[in-house]
N, C-alpha and C. Protein backbone atom coordinates (compact mmCIF):
# COMPACT_ATOMS: atom_id res chain seq x y z
N MET A 1 10.03 -25.66 19.86
CA MET A 1 9.62 -24.41 20.49
C MET A 1 8.97 -23.50 19.45
N LYS A 2 7.95 -22.77 19.87
CA LYS A 2 7.27 -21.81 19.00
C LYS A 2 7.68 -20.39 19.37
N VAL A 3 8.05 -19.65 18.35
CA VAL A 3 8.52 -18.28 18.52
C VAL A 3 7.64 -17.36 17.69
N LEU A 4 7.26 -16.22 18.26
CA LEU A 4 6.45 -15.23 17.54
C LEU A 4 7.14 -13.88 17.63
N VAL A 5 7.35 -13.24 16.48
CA VAL A 5 7.85 -11.87 16.47
C VAL A 5 6.68 -10.96 16.11
N ILE A 6 6.47 -9.93 16.93
CA ILE A 6 5.35 -9.01 16.73
C ILE A 6 5.93 -7.64 16.40
N SER A 7 5.59 -7.14 15.21
CA SER A 7 6.12 -5.85 14.76
C SER A 7 5.00 -4.86 14.51
N ALA A 8 5.34 -3.60 14.65
CA ALA A 8 4.39 -2.55 14.31
C ALA A 8 4.37 -2.35 12.80
N HIS A 9 5.57 -2.37 12.20
CA HIS A 9 5.73 -2.12 10.77
C HIS A 9 6.59 -3.21 10.14
N HIS A 10 6.41 -3.40 8.83
CA HIS A 10 7.36 -4.22 8.09
C HIS A 10 8.75 -3.65 8.35
N ASP A 11 9.71 -4.47 8.48
CA ASP A 11 11.14 -4.19 8.73
C ASP A 11 11.52 -4.23 10.22
N ASP A 12 10.57 -3.97 11.13
CA ASP A 12 10.89 -4.05 12.56
C ASP A 12 11.44 -5.43 12.92
N GLU A 13 10.83 -6.45 12.33
CA GLU A 13 11.22 -7.83 12.66
C GLU A 13 12.67 -8.12 12.25
N THR A 14 13.09 -7.56 11.12
CA THR A 14 14.45 -7.81 10.64
C THR A 14 15.45 -6.94 11.36
N PHE A 15 15.17 -5.65 11.49
CA PHE A 15 16.09 -4.76 12.18
C PHE A 15 16.26 -5.16 13.64
N GLY A 16 15.16 -5.53 14.29
CA GLY A 16 15.22 -5.79 15.72
C GLY A 16 15.70 -7.16 16.10
N ALA A 17 15.35 -8.18 15.30
CA ALA A 17 15.65 -9.56 15.72
C ALA A 17 15.96 -10.47 14.55
N GLY A 18 16.36 -9.90 13.42
CA GLY A 18 16.58 -10.71 12.23
C GLY A 18 17.56 -11.85 12.42
N GLY A 19 18.68 -11.57 13.07
CA GLY A 19 19.67 -12.62 13.30
C GLY A 19 19.17 -13.69 14.24
N SER A 20 18.49 -13.27 15.28
CA SER A 20 17.95 -14.23 16.26
C SER A 20 16.88 -15.11 15.63
N LEU A 21 16.05 -14.53 14.78
CA LEU A 21 15.00 -15.32 14.13
C LEU A 21 15.61 -16.36 13.19
N LEU A 22 16.65 -15.96 12.45
CA LEU A 22 17.35 -16.91 11.59
C LEU A 22 17.96 -18.04 12.42
N LYS A 23 18.46 -17.70 13.58
CA LYS A 23 19.06 -18.69 14.47
C LYS A 23 18.00 -19.67 14.97
N HIS A 24 16.82 -19.15 15.32
CA HIS A 24 15.73 -20.03 15.75
C HIS A 24 15.36 -21.01 14.63
N VAL A 25 15.22 -20.47 13.42
CA VAL A 25 14.85 -21.31 12.28
C VAL A 25 15.89 -22.40 12.06
N ALA A 26 17.18 -22.02 12.14
CA ALA A 26 18.26 -22.98 11.93
C ALA A 26 18.24 -24.08 12.98
N ARG A 27 17.72 -23.78 14.16
CA ARG A 27 17.66 -24.76 15.24
C ARG A 27 16.38 -25.60 15.21
N GLY A 28 15.53 -25.34 14.23
CA GLY A 28 14.34 -26.15 14.07
C GLY A 28 13.10 -25.63 14.78
N ASP A 29 13.16 -24.40 15.31
CA ASP A 29 11.99 -23.83 15.97
C ASP A 29 10.96 -23.36 14.94
N GLU A 30 9.70 -23.36 15.34
CA GLU A 30 8.64 -22.77 14.51
C GLU A 30 8.64 -21.27 14.79
N VAL A 31 8.79 -20.46 13.76
CA VAL A 31 8.86 -19.01 13.93
C VAL A 31 7.74 -18.35 13.13
N TYR A 32 6.96 -17.53 13.81
CA TYR A 32 5.81 -16.85 13.20
C TYR A 32 6.00 -15.33 13.30
N TRP A 33 5.27 -14.62 12.46
CA TRP A 33 5.40 -13.16 12.38
C TRP A 33 4.02 -12.53 12.35
N LEU A 34 3.78 -11.59 13.27
CA LEU A 34 2.55 -10.80 13.29
C LEU A 34 2.92 -9.34 13.09
N ASN A 35 2.41 -8.74 12.03
CA ASN A 35 2.70 -7.34 11.72
C ASN A 35 1.41 -6.52 11.73
N PHE A 36 1.42 -5.39 12.40
CA PHE A 36 0.20 -4.62 12.60
C PHE A 36 -0.21 -3.75 11.42
N THR A 37 0.74 -3.14 10.72
CA THR A 37 0.36 -2.09 9.78
C THR A 37 0.65 -2.43 8.33
N GLU A 38 -0.08 -1.80 7.47
CA GLU A 38 0.12 -1.86 6.03
C GLU A 38 0.47 -0.45 5.56
N THR A 39 1.53 -0.34 4.78
CA THR A 39 2.02 0.98 4.39
C THR A 39 1.14 1.66 3.36
N TRP A 40 0.65 0.91 2.39
CA TRP A 40 -0.01 1.55 1.26
C TRP A 40 -1.52 1.44 1.35
N ASP A 41 -2.17 2.38 0.67
CA ASP A 41 -3.62 2.32 0.52
C ASP A 41 -4.00 1.05 -0.24
N LYS A 42 -5.11 0.44 0.11
CA LYS A 42 -5.45 -0.84 -0.49
C LYS A 42 -5.72 -0.76 -1.99
N TYR A 43 -5.98 0.44 -2.51
CA TYR A 43 -6.20 0.59 -3.94
C TYR A 43 -4.95 1.07 -4.68
N ASP A 44 -3.86 1.24 -3.95
CA ASP A 44 -2.62 1.72 -4.54
C ASP A 44 -1.83 0.51 -5.05
N LYS A 45 -1.35 0.58 -6.29
CA LYS A 45 -0.62 -0.55 -6.86
C LYS A 45 0.61 -0.91 -6.03
N GLN A 46 1.23 0.08 -5.38
CA GLN A 46 2.42 -0.19 -4.59
C GLN A 46 2.12 -1.11 -3.41
N ARG A 47 0.86 -1.12 -2.99
CA ARG A 47 0.50 -2.02 -1.89
C ARG A 47 0.70 -3.46 -2.32
N ILE A 48 0.40 -3.78 -3.58
CA ILE A 48 0.59 -5.13 -4.09
C ILE A 48 2.07 -5.47 -4.07
N ASP A 49 2.90 -4.52 -4.48
CA ASP A 49 4.34 -4.75 -4.46
C ASP A 49 4.83 -4.98 -3.04
N ARG A 50 4.31 -4.21 -2.08
CA ARG A 50 4.74 -4.37 -0.69
C ARG A 50 4.28 -5.71 -0.13
N ALA A 51 3.07 -6.12 -0.48
CA ALA A 51 2.59 -7.42 -0.02
C ALA A 51 3.49 -8.52 -0.56
N ARG A 52 3.91 -8.37 -1.81
CA ARG A 52 4.82 -9.36 -2.39
C ARG A 52 6.16 -9.37 -1.67
N LEU A 53 6.64 -8.17 -1.31
CA LEU A 53 7.90 -8.08 -0.58
C LEU A 53 7.79 -8.75 0.79
N GLN A 54 6.67 -8.56 1.46
CA GLN A 54 6.48 -9.17 2.77
C GLN A 54 6.46 -10.69 2.66
N GLN A 55 5.89 -11.20 1.58
CA GLN A 55 5.94 -12.64 1.35
C GLN A 55 7.38 -13.10 1.15
N THR A 56 8.16 -12.27 0.45
CA THR A 56 9.56 -12.60 0.22
C THR A 56 10.34 -12.63 1.52
N ILE A 57 10.11 -11.62 2.38
CA ILE A 57 10.80 -11.57 3.67
C ILE A 57 10.46 -12.80 4.50
N ALA A 58 9.19 -13.17 4.51
CA ALA A 58 8.76 -14.34 5.28
C ALA A 58 9.45 -15.60 4.76
N ARG A 59 9.54 -15.72 3.44
CA ARG A 59 10.17 -16.90 2.85
C ARG A 59 11.67 -16.91 3.11
N GLU A 60 12.32 -15.77 2.93
CA GLU A 60 13.77 -15.69 3.09
C GLU A 60 14.20 -15.90 4.54
N THR A 61 13.38 -15.46 5.48
CA THR A 61 13.70 -15.65 6.89
C THR A 61 13.39 -17.08 7.33
N GLY A 62 12.38 -17.67 6.72
CA GLY A 62 12.01 -19.04 7.07
C GLY A 62 10.85 -19.11 8.05
N PHE A 63 9.97 -18.10 8.04
CA PHE A 63 8.83 -18.13 8.94
C PHE A 63 7.92 -19.31 8.63
N SER A 64 7.40 -19.91 9.68
CA SER A 64 6.42 -20.99 9.53
C SER A 64 5.06 -20.44 9.13
N GLY A 65 4.82 -19.18 9.43
CA GLY A 65 3.57 -18.52 9.07
C GLY A 65 3.65 -17.06 9.43
N TYR A 66 2.75 -16.26 8.85
CA TYR A 66 2.74 -14.85 9.19
C TYR A 66 1.34 -14.27 8.97
N LYS A 67 1.09 -13.16 9.65
CA LYS A 67 -0.21 -12.50 9.58
C LYS A 67 0.01 -11.00 9.50
N LEU A 68 -0.59 -10.37 8.51
CA LEU A 68 -0.52 -8.92 8.36
C LEU A 68 -1.91 -8.35 8.67
N LEU A 69 -2.00 -7.58 9.73
CA LEU A 69 -3.31 -7.10 10.18
C LEU A 69 -3.84 -5.93 9.36
N GLY A 70 -2.95 -5.15 8.73
CA GLY A 70 -3.40 -4.13 7.80
C GLY A 70 -3.90 -2.83 8.39
N PHE A 71 -3.54 -2.51 9.62
CA PHE A 71 -3.93 -1.23 10.21
C PHE A 71 -3.05 -0.12 9.63
N PRO A 72 -3.47 1.16 9.74
CA PRO A 72 -2.74 2.25 9.08
C PRO A 72 -1.37 2.52 9.70
N ASP A 73 -0.37 2.61 8.84
CA ASP A 73 0.99 2.94 9.26
C ASP A 73 1.00 4.37 9.80
N GLY A 74 1.53 4.53 11.00
CA GLY A 74 1.55 5.85 11.62
C GLY A 74 0.21 6.28 12.19
N GLY A 75 -0.74 5.35 12.23
CA GLY A 75 -2.08 5.71 12.69
C GLY A 75 -2.70 4.72 13.64
N LEU A 76 -1.88 3.94 14.33
CA LEU A 76 -2.46 2.98 15.29
C LEU A 76 -3.23 3.69 16.39
N ASP A 77 -2.86 4.95 16.66
CA ASP A 77 -3.57 5.71 17.69
C ASP A 77 -4.96 6.13 17.23
N THR A 78 -5.28 5.94 15.95
CA THR A 78 -6.62 6.28 15.45
C THR A 78 -7.56 5.07 15.52
N VAL A 79 -7.02 3.93 15.89
CA VAL A 79 -7.81 2.69 15.97
C VAL A 79 -8.08 2.38 17.43
N PRO A 80 -9.30 2.05 17.80
CA PRO A 80 -9.58 1.72 19.20
C PRO A 80 -8.65 0.62 19.71
N PHE A 81 -8.16 0.81 20.93
CA PHE A 81 -7.23 -0.16 21.52
C PHE A 81 -7.85 -1.55 21.54
N ARG A 82 -9.14 -1.64 21.80
CA ARG A 82 -9.81 -2.94 21.87
C ARG A 82 -9.79 -3.64 20.51
N THR A 83 -9.93 -2.87 19.43
CA THR A 83 -9.90 -3.45 18.10
C THR A 83 -8.53 -4.05 17.81
N LEU A 84 -7.48 -3.31 18.15
CA LEU A 84 -6.11 -3.81 17.97
C LEU A 84 -5.87 -5.04 18.85
N PHE A 85 -6.32 -4.95 20.09
CA PHE A 85 -6.15 -6.04 21.05
C PHE A 85 -6.78 -7.33 20.52
N ASP A 86 -8.04 -7.25 20.09
CA ASP A 86 -8.75 -8.45 19.65
C ASP A 86 -8.11 -9.06 18.42
N ALA A 87 -7.66 -8.21 17.48
CA ALA A 87 -7.05 -8.72 16.25
C ALA A 87 -5.75 -9.46 16.55
N ALA A 88 -4.94 -8.91 17.43
CA ALA A 88 -3.67 -9.55 17.78
C ALA A 88 -3.89 -10.80 18.62
N ALA A 89 -4.84 -10.75 19.52
CA ALA A 89 -5.08 -11.88 20.42
C ALA A 89 -5.47 -13.14 19.66
N VAL A 90 -6.18 -12.98 18.56
CA VAL A 90 -6.58 -14.14 17.76
C VAL A 90 -5.35 -14.88 17.24
N TYR A 91 -4.36 -14.12 16.72
CA TYR A 91 -3.18 -14.77 16.17
C TYR A 91 -2.30 -15.37 17.26
N LEU A 92 -2.22 -14.70 18.40
CA LEU A 92 -1.46 -15.27 19.51
C LEU A 92 -2.08 -16.59 19.96
N LYS A 93 -3.40 -16.64 19.97
CA LYS A 93 -4.07 -17.88 20.37
C LYS A 93 -3.80 -18.98 19.36
N GLN A 94 -3.78 -18.62 18.07
CA GLN A 94 -3.54 -19.61 17.02
C GLN A 94 -2.13 -20.17 17.09
N THR A 95 -1.14 -19.29 17.30
CA THR A 95 0.26 -19.74 17.28
C THR A 95 0.72 -20.29 18.62
N ASP A 96 0.14 -19.81 19.72
CA ASP A 96 0.45 -20.29 21.07
C ASP A 96 1.97 -20.31 21.31
N PRO A 97 2.64 -19.14 21.23
CA PRO A 97 4.11 -19.11 21.29
C PRO A 97 4.67 -19.35 22.69
N ASP A 98 5.89 -19.87 22.71
CA ASP A 98 6.66 -19.99 23.95
C ASP A 98 7.49 -18.73 24.19
N TRP A 99 7.97 -18.14 23.09
CA TRP A 99 8.77 -16.90 23.14
C TRP A 99 8.11 -15.86 22.25
N ILE A 100 8.19 -14.61 22.69
CA ILE A 100 7.75 -13.49 21.86
C ILE A 100 8.87 -12.47 21.78
N TYR A 101 9.17 -12.03 20.57
CA TYR A 101 10.01 -10.86 20.35
C TYR A 101 9.09 -9.73 19.90
N THR A 102 9.24 -8.55 20.52
CA THR A 102 8.38 -7.44 20.13
C THR A 102 9.05 -6.12 20.45
N ILE A 103 8.33 -5.04 20.24
CA ILE A 103 8.87 -3.71 20.49
C ILE A 103 9.13 -3.54 21.99
N GLY A 104 10.28 -2.99 22.33
CA GLY A 104 10.59 -2.73 23.72
C GLY A 104 10.06 -1.39 24.19
N PRO A 105 10.20 -1.08 25.46
CA PRO A 105 9.75 0.20 26.00
C PRO A 105 10.70 1.33 25.59
N GLY A 106 10.25 2.55 25.73
CA GLY A 106 11.11 3.70 25.50
C GLY A 106 11.41 3.97 24.04
N ASP A 107 10.52 3.55 23.14
CA ASP A 107 10.74 3.76 21.72
C ASP A 107 10.04 5.04 21.28
N ILE A 108 10.67 5.78 20.36
CA ILE A 108 10.18 7.10 20.01
C ILE A 108 8.96 7.06 19.08
N HIS A 109 8.72 5.96 18.40
CA HIS A 109 7.62 5.89 17.43
C HIS A 109 6.31 5.58 18.15
N PRO A 110 5.27 6.40 17.96
CA PRO A 110 3.99 6.16 18.64
C PRO A 110 3.39 4.79 18.36
N ASP A 111 3.50 4.32 17.12
CA ASP A 111 2.99 2.98 16.80
C ASP A 111 3.70 1.91 17.62
N HIS A 112 5.00 2.08 17.80
CA HIS A 112 5.78 1.11 18.56
C HIS A 112 5.34 1.07 20.03
N ASP A 113 5.08 2.24 20.57
CA ASP A 113 4.63 2.31 21.96
C ASP A 113 3.30 1.60 22.14
N ILE A 114 2.41 1.76 21.18
CA ILE A 114 1.11 1.11 21.26
C ILE A 114 1.25 -0.41 21.19
N VAL A 115 2.11 -0.89 20.29
CA VAL A 115 2.31 -2.33 20.17
C VAL A 115 2.92 -2.91 21.45
N TYR A 116 3.86 -2.18 22.03
CA TYR A 116 4.45 -2.61 23.31
C TYR A 116 3.36 -2.77 24.37
N ARG A 117 2.49 -1.77 24.50
CA ARG A 117 1.44 -1.84 25.51
C ARG A 117 0.42 -2.93 25.20
N LEU A 118 0.14 -3.12 23.92
CA LEU A 118 -0.79 -4.18 23.52
C LEU A 118 -0.27 -5.56 23.92
N VAL A 119 0.99 -5.82 23.61
CA VAL A 119 1.56 -7.13 23.91
C VAL A 119 1.55 -7.40 25.41
N MET A 120 1.92 -6.41 26.18
CA MET A 120 1.94 -6.60 27.63
C MET A 120 0.53 -6.81 28.18
N ALA A 121 -0.46 -6.17 27.55
CA ALA A 121 -1.84 -6.36 28.00
C ALA A 121 -2.37 -7.73 27.62
N ILE A 122 -2.08 -8.16 26.39
CA ILE A 122 -2.58 -9.45 25.92
C ILE A 122 -1.97 -10.60 26.69
N THR A 123 -0.71 -10.47 27.08
CA THR A 123 0.00 -11.57 27.73
C THR A 123 -0.03 -11.49 29.25
N ARG A 124 -1.01 -10.80 29.79
CA ARG A 124 -1.12 -10.75 31.25
C ARG A 124 -1.33 -12.17 31.79
N PRO A 125 -0.92 -12.42 33.02
CA PRO A 125 -0.86 -13.79 33.57
C PRO A 125 -2.17 -14.57 33.52
N THR A 126 -3.30 -13.87 33.54
CA THR A 126 -4.56 -14.61 33.51
C THR A 126 -4.85 -15.20 32.14
N ARG A 127 -4.09 -14.78 31.12
CA ARG A 127 -4.32 -15.27 29.76
C ARG A 127 -3.21 -16.19 29.26
N TRP A 128 -1.96 -15.88 29.68
CA TRP A 128 -0.81 -16.64 29.17
C TRP A 128 0.08 -17.07 30.30
N LYS A 129 0.56 -18.29 30.23
CA LYS A 129 1.44 -18.83 31.27
C LYS A 129 2.69 -19.44 30.62
N GLY A 130 3.80 -19.39 31.31
CA GLY A 130 5.02 -20.00 30.80
C GLY A 130 5.60 -19.31 29.60
N LEU A 131 5.48 -17.99 29.52
CA LEU A 131 5.85 -17.23 28.34
C LEU A 131 7.08 -16.38 28.60
N LYS A 132 7.93 -16.24 27.58
CA LYS A 132 9.10 -15.37 27.66
C LYS A 132 8.95 -14.27 26.62
N ILE A 133 9.08 -13.00 27.05
CA ILE A 133 8.90 -11.87 26.15
C ILE A 133 10.15 -11.01 26.15
N LEU A 134 10.73 -10.81 24.96
CA LEU A 134 11.93 -10.00 24.81
C LEU A 134 11.62 -8.76 23.99
N GLY A 135 12.03 -7.60 24.51
CA GLY A 135 11.86 -6.34 23.80
C GLY A 135 13.02 -6.12 22.84
N MET A 136 12.71 -5.75 21.60
CA MET A 136 13.72 -5.58 20.57
C MET A 136 14.26 -4.15 20.55
N GLU A 137 15.45 -4.02 20.02
CA GLU A 137 16.08 -2.73 19.77
C GLU A 137 15.91 -2.42 18.28
N ILE A 138 15.07 -1.42 17.96
CA ILE A 138 14.79 -1.08 16.57
C ILE A 138 15.71 0.06 16.13
N HIS A 139 16.45 -0.16 15.07
CA HIS A 139 17.37 0.86 14.58
C HIS A 139 16.62 2.16 14.27
N SER A 140 17.09 3.24 14.78
CA SER A 140 16.59 4.62 14.66
C SER A 140 15.52 4.92 15.70
N SER A 141 14.42 4.21 15.73
CA SER A 141 13.34 4.60 16.63
C SER A 141 13.63 4.30 18.09
N THR A 142 14.48 3.31 18.38
CA THR A 142 14.90 3.07 19.76
C THR A 142 16.08 3.97 20.11
N SER A 143 17.06 4.03 19.23
CA SER A 143 18.27 4.82 19.53
C SER A 143 18.01 6.32 19.53
N TRP A 144 16.97 6.77 18.84
CA TRP A 144 16.66 8.20 18.79
C TRP A 144 15.78 8.66 19.95
N ALA A 145 15.31 7.73 20.77
CA ALA A 145 14.42 8.10 21.87
C ALA A 145 15.16 8.88 22.94
N TRP A 146 14.43 9.71 23.67
CA TRP A 146 15.02 10.50 24.74
C TRP A 146 15.26 9.62 25.97
N ALA A 147 16.25 9.99 26.73
CA ALA A 147 16.59 9.21 27.93
C ALA A 147 15.53 9.40 29.01
N ASN A 148 15.09 8.30 29.57
CA ASN A 148 14.09 8.34 30.63
C ASN A 148 14.26 7.08 31.46
N LYS A 149 14.60 7.23 32.71
CA LYS A 149 14.88 6.07 33.54
C LYS A 149 13.70 5.12 33.64
N SER A 150 12.49 5.64 33.53
CA SER A 150 11.33 4.80 33.74
C SER A 150 11.02 3.88 32.57
N ASN A 151 11.49 4.23 31.37
CA ASN A 151 11.15 3.38 30.22
C ASN A 151 12.26 3.24 29.19
N SER A 152 13.50 3.54 29.54
CA SER A 152 14.60 3.41 28.59
C SER A 152 14.85 1.95 28.23
N PHE A 153 15.37 1.75 27.02
CA PHE A 153 15.74 0.42 26.59
C PHE A 153 17.08 0.07 27.25
N ILE A 154 17.06 -0.87 28.17
CA ILE A 154 18.26 -1.29 28.89
C ILE A 154 18.44 -2.78 28.63
N PRO A 155 19.31 -3.16 27.70
CA PRO A 155 19.43 -4.57 27.34
C PRO A 155 20.02 -5.42 28.46
N ASN A 156 19.47 -6.60 28.61
CA ASN A 156 20.01 -7.56 29.58
C ASN A 156 20.04 -8.98 29.03
N ILE A 157 19.69 -9.10 27.74
CA ILE A 157 19.79 -10.37 27.03
C ILE A 157 20.55 -10.12 25.73
N TYR A 158 21.56 -10.92 25.47
CA TYR A 158 22.36 -10.76 24.25
C TYR A 158 22.38 -12.11 23.51
N ASN A 159 22.16 -12.06 22.21
CA ASN A 159 22.15 -13.27 21.41
C ASN A 159 23.29 -13.18 20.38
N ASP A 160 24.19 -14.13 20.43
CA ASP A 160 25.31 -14.19 19.48
C ASP A 160 24.76 -14.54 18.10
N ILE A 161 24.82 -13.58 17.17
CA ILE A 161 24.31 -13.81 15.81
C ILE A 161 25.44 -13.80 14.79
N THR A 162 26.65 -14.02 15.23
CA THR A 162 27.81 -13.94 14.34
C THR A 162 27.62 -14.76 13.05
N PRO A 163 27.16 -16.01 13.13
CA PRO A 163 27.00 -16.78 11.89
C PRO A 163 25.85 -16.30 11.00
N TYR A 164 24.99 -15.43 11.55
CA TYR A 164 23.76 -15.03 10.85
C TYR A 164 23.75 -13.57 10.42
N LEU A 165 24.78 -12.81 10.76
CA LEU A 165 24.76 -11.38 10.46
C LEU A 165 24.70 -11.11 8.97
N ASP A 166 25.52 -11.77 8.19
CA ASP A 166 25.53 -11.51 6.75
C ASP A 166 24.16 -11.78 6.13
N ARG A 167 23.51 -12.84 6.58
CA ARG A 167 22.18 -13.15 6.05
C ARG A 167 21.16 -12.10 6.52
N LYS A 168 21.29 -11.62 7.74
CA LYS A 168 20.41 -10.55 8.21
C LYS A 168 20.57 -9.32 7.34
N LEU A 169 21.79 -8.96 7.00
CA LEU A 169 22.04 -7.79 6.16
C LEU A 169 21.45 -7.99 4.77
N GLU A 170 21.53 -9.19 4.24
CA GLU A 170 20.95 -9.47 2.93
C GLU A 170 19.43 -9.27 2.95
N ILE A 171 18.80 -9.75 4.01
CA ILE A 171 17.35 -9.61 4.12
C ILE A 171 16.98 -8.14 4.36
N ALA A 172 17.73 -7.45 5.20
CA ALA A 172 17.46 -6.02 5.44
C ALA A 172 17.57 -5.21 4.16
N SER A 173 18.50 -5.59 3.30
CA SER A 173 18.70 -4.84 2.05
C SER A 173 17.51 -4.97 1.10
N LEU A 174 16.63 -5.97 1.33
CA LEU A 174 15.43 -6.09 0.52
C LEU A 174 14.45 -4.95 0.77
N TYR A 175 14.56 -4.33 1.95
CA TYR A 175 13.72 -3.17 2.27
C TYR A 175 14.36 -1.90 1.69
N LYS A 176 14.39 -1.83 0.38
CA LYS A 176 15.12 -0.76 -0.29
C LYS A 176 14.59 0.63 0.06
N ASP A 177 13.27 0.75 0.27
CA ASP A 177 12.70 2.06 0.57
C ASP A 177 12.93 2.48 2.01
N GLU A 178 13.46 1.58 2.84
CA GLU A 178 13.73 1.91 4.24
C GLU A 178 15.22 2.13 4.50
N MET A 179 16.08 1.62 3.63
CA MET A 179 17.51 1.72 3.84
C MET A 179 18.04 3.08 3.38
N ASN A 180 19.06 3.56 4.06
CA ASN A 180 19.65 4.86 3.76
C ASN A 180 21.17 4.74 3.72
N GLU A 181 21.80 5.83 3.35
CA GLU A 181 23.26 5.86 3.33
C GLU A 181 23.78 6.11 4.74
N TYR A 182 24.91 5.49 5.05
CA TYR A 182 25.58 5.74 6.32
C TYR A 182 25.99 7.22 6.38
N PRO A 183 25.84 7.90 7.56
CA PRO A 183 25.66 7.35 8.91
C PRO A 183 24.22 7.26 9.41
N HIS A 184 23.24 7.20 8.52
CA HIS A 184 21.87 7.01 8.98
C HIS A 184 21.77 5.69 9.74
N ALA A 185 20.93 5.69 10.79
CA ALA A 185 20.79 4.49 11.62
C ALA A 185 20.26 3.31 10.83
N ARG A 186 19.50 3.61 9.77
CA ARG A 186 18.97 2.52 8.94
C ARG A 186 19.83 2.39 7.69
N SER A 187 21.04 1.99 7.89
CA SER A 187 21.97 1.67 6.81
C SER A 187 22.63 0.36 7.16
N LEU A 188 23.12 -0.35 6.16
CA LEU A 188 23.75 -1.64 6.42
C LEU A 188 24.97 -1.48 7.32
N GLU A 189 25.72 -0.38 7.12
CA GLU A 189 26.90 -0.13 7.95
C GLU A 189 26.52 0.07 9.40
N ALA A 190 25.41 0.80 9.64
CA ALA A 190 24.98 1.06 11.01
C ALA A 190 24.47 -0.22 11.68
N ILE A 191 23.73 -1.03 10.93
CA ILE A 191 23.24 -2.30 11.48
C ILE A 191 24.42 -3.17 11.92
N LYS A 192 25.42 -3.22 11.07
CA LYS A 192 26.61 -4.02 11.40
C LYS A 192 27.35 -3.43 12.58
N ALA A 193 27.43 -2.08 12.64
CA ALA A 193 28.13 -1.43 13.74
C ALA A 193 27.45 -1.68 15.08
N ILE A 194 26.11 -1.62 15.08
CA ILE A 194 25.37 -1.88 16.32
C ILE A 194 25.56 -3.33 16.75
N ALA A 195 25.53 -4.25 15.79
CA ALA A 195 25.74 -5.66 16.11
C ALA A 195 27.15 -5.88 16.67
N SER A 196 28.11 -5.15 16.12
CA SER A 196 29.48 -5.25 16.62
C SER A 196 29.59 -4.70 18.04
N TYR A 197 28.95 -3.55 18.27
CA TYR A 197 28.98 -2.95 19.61
C TYR A 197 28.32 -3.85 20.63
N ARG A 198 27.14 -4.38 20.29
CA ARG A 198 26.44 -5.27 21.23
C ARG A 198 27.25 -6.56 21.45
N GLY A 199 27.89 -7.04 20.40
CA GLY A 199 28.71 -8.22 20.56
C GLY A 199 29.91 -7.99 21.46
N SER A 200 30.55 -6.83 21.29
CA SER A 200 31.72 -6.53 22.12
C SER A 200 31.35 -6.38 23.58
N SER A 201 30.09 -6.10 23.86
CA SER A 201 29.64 -5.96 25.24
C SER A 201 29.64 -7.29 25.98
N VAL A 202 29.59 -8.38 25.21
CA VAL A 202 29.51 -9.71 25.84
C VAL A 202 30.58 -10.67 25.31
N GLY A 203 31.55 -10.14 24.59
CA GLY A 203 32.67 -10.96 24.18
C GLY A 203 32.46 -11.84 22.96
N VAL A 204 31.52 -11.44 22.08
CA VAL A 204 31.35 -12.15 20.82
C VAL A 204 31.48 -11.13 19.70
N ARG A 205 31.56 -11.60 18.47
CA ARG A 205 31.80 -10.66 17.37
C ARG A 205 30.57 -9.81 17.06
N TYR A 206 29.42 -10.48 16.91
CA TYR A 206 28.19 -9.76 16.59
C TYR A 206 27.04 -10.29 17.44
N ALA A 207 26.21 -9.40 17.93
CA ALA A 207 25.08 -9.82 18.76
C ALA A 207 23.89 -8.88 18.55
N GLU A 208 22.72 -9.39 18.89
CA GLU A 208 21.53 -8.56 19.02
C GLU A 208 21.21 -8.46 20.50
N ALA A 209 20.75 -7.29 20.90
CA ALA A 209 20.47 -7.05 22.31
C ALA A 209 18.96 -6.94 22.52
N PHE A 210 18.51 -7.45 23.66
CA PHE A 210 17.09 -7.44 23.99
C PHE A 210 16.91 -7.07 25.46
N MET A 211 15.70 -6.67 25.76
CA MET A 211 15.33 -6.36 27.13
C MET A 211 14.29 -7.39 27.57
N LEU A 212 14.63 -8.17 28.59
CA LEU A 212 13.68 -9.15 29.10
C LEU A 212 12.54 -8.42 29.79
N MET A 213 11.34 -8.57 29.24
CA MET A 213 10.18 -7.86 29.77
C MET A 213 9.30 -8.76 30.64
N LYS A 214 9.36 -10.05 30.36
CA LYS A 214 8.57 -10.99 31.17
C LYS A 214 9.09 -12.40 30.94
N GLU A 215 9.19 -13.16 32.01
CA GLU A 215 9.50 -14.58 31.88
C GLU A 215 8.87 -15.33 33.04
N VAL A 216 8.10 -16.34 32.75
CA VAL A 216 7.47 -17.16 33.76
C VAL A 216 8.11 -18.55 33.68
N ILE A 217 8.76 -18.97 34.75
CA ILE A 217 9.42 -20.26 34.79
C ILE A 217 8.56 -21.21 35.62
N ARG A 218 8.21 -22.32 35.01
CA ARG A 218 7.33 -23.28 35.70
C ARG A 218 7.98 -24.66 35.77
C-alpha cells in the first residue's frame, strides 16, 4: 500500500500522524511526504540547516520519498491557488497513494486551511478513485481553534500507536525550535497526554485520532 502525508509545515507530519506513519513503515507500506512550505529565506544559512533536519526526519521516520515545495511559511494565501494546486498535483500523480493523511478541517492556522481545501480539490472523484483521506489533529493549531459545528475536528478513526509512541516523541524532539515547555500544546508531555486521552477513548494505551474525510470503496 502507498501512503502519502501532506503537511503545510515541517512538523505537521510528526505531530499529526507520526505514530501512524511509523506503523505503516513497520508493516511494509511505502510512505511518502509532501510539505508545502519552507521556513527560511533561500539565502539564509539556517535554511540549509532546516533542509538537513527535514532529511533527517524523513530518514528517521522511514519515508520512501519526500518533496518540499518551498512556498512561504505563513504566506500560502499570497500564492495563487492554482499554483499551489498544480505543484501538489504533480507529486500526488507521481506517488499515486492509496491513503492520504493531511490537515483536517477546523484548524486555526490559515496555511492549514488552504492545504485542507487544496487536498479536497485535487482528490475530487473525477481525478482520483479508490482513495482514503484522513484529517490529522495538529497539536496547538487544531486544539486552539474555535468551536464551529460546520468544520470542527470530530475524530472518528483511532489508530493504536502504543508501540510507536516513544519513537514518535524522539522524532518530535528533533524539532527543537518548535518544542516548548509543558503545559504548551507543543511539548513532549502534551503530545503524550493527547495520545493517552485519545487512546483511553477507544480502550488502548496510546492512539492518534483522525477524521475520515473521504473514502471510496470499490
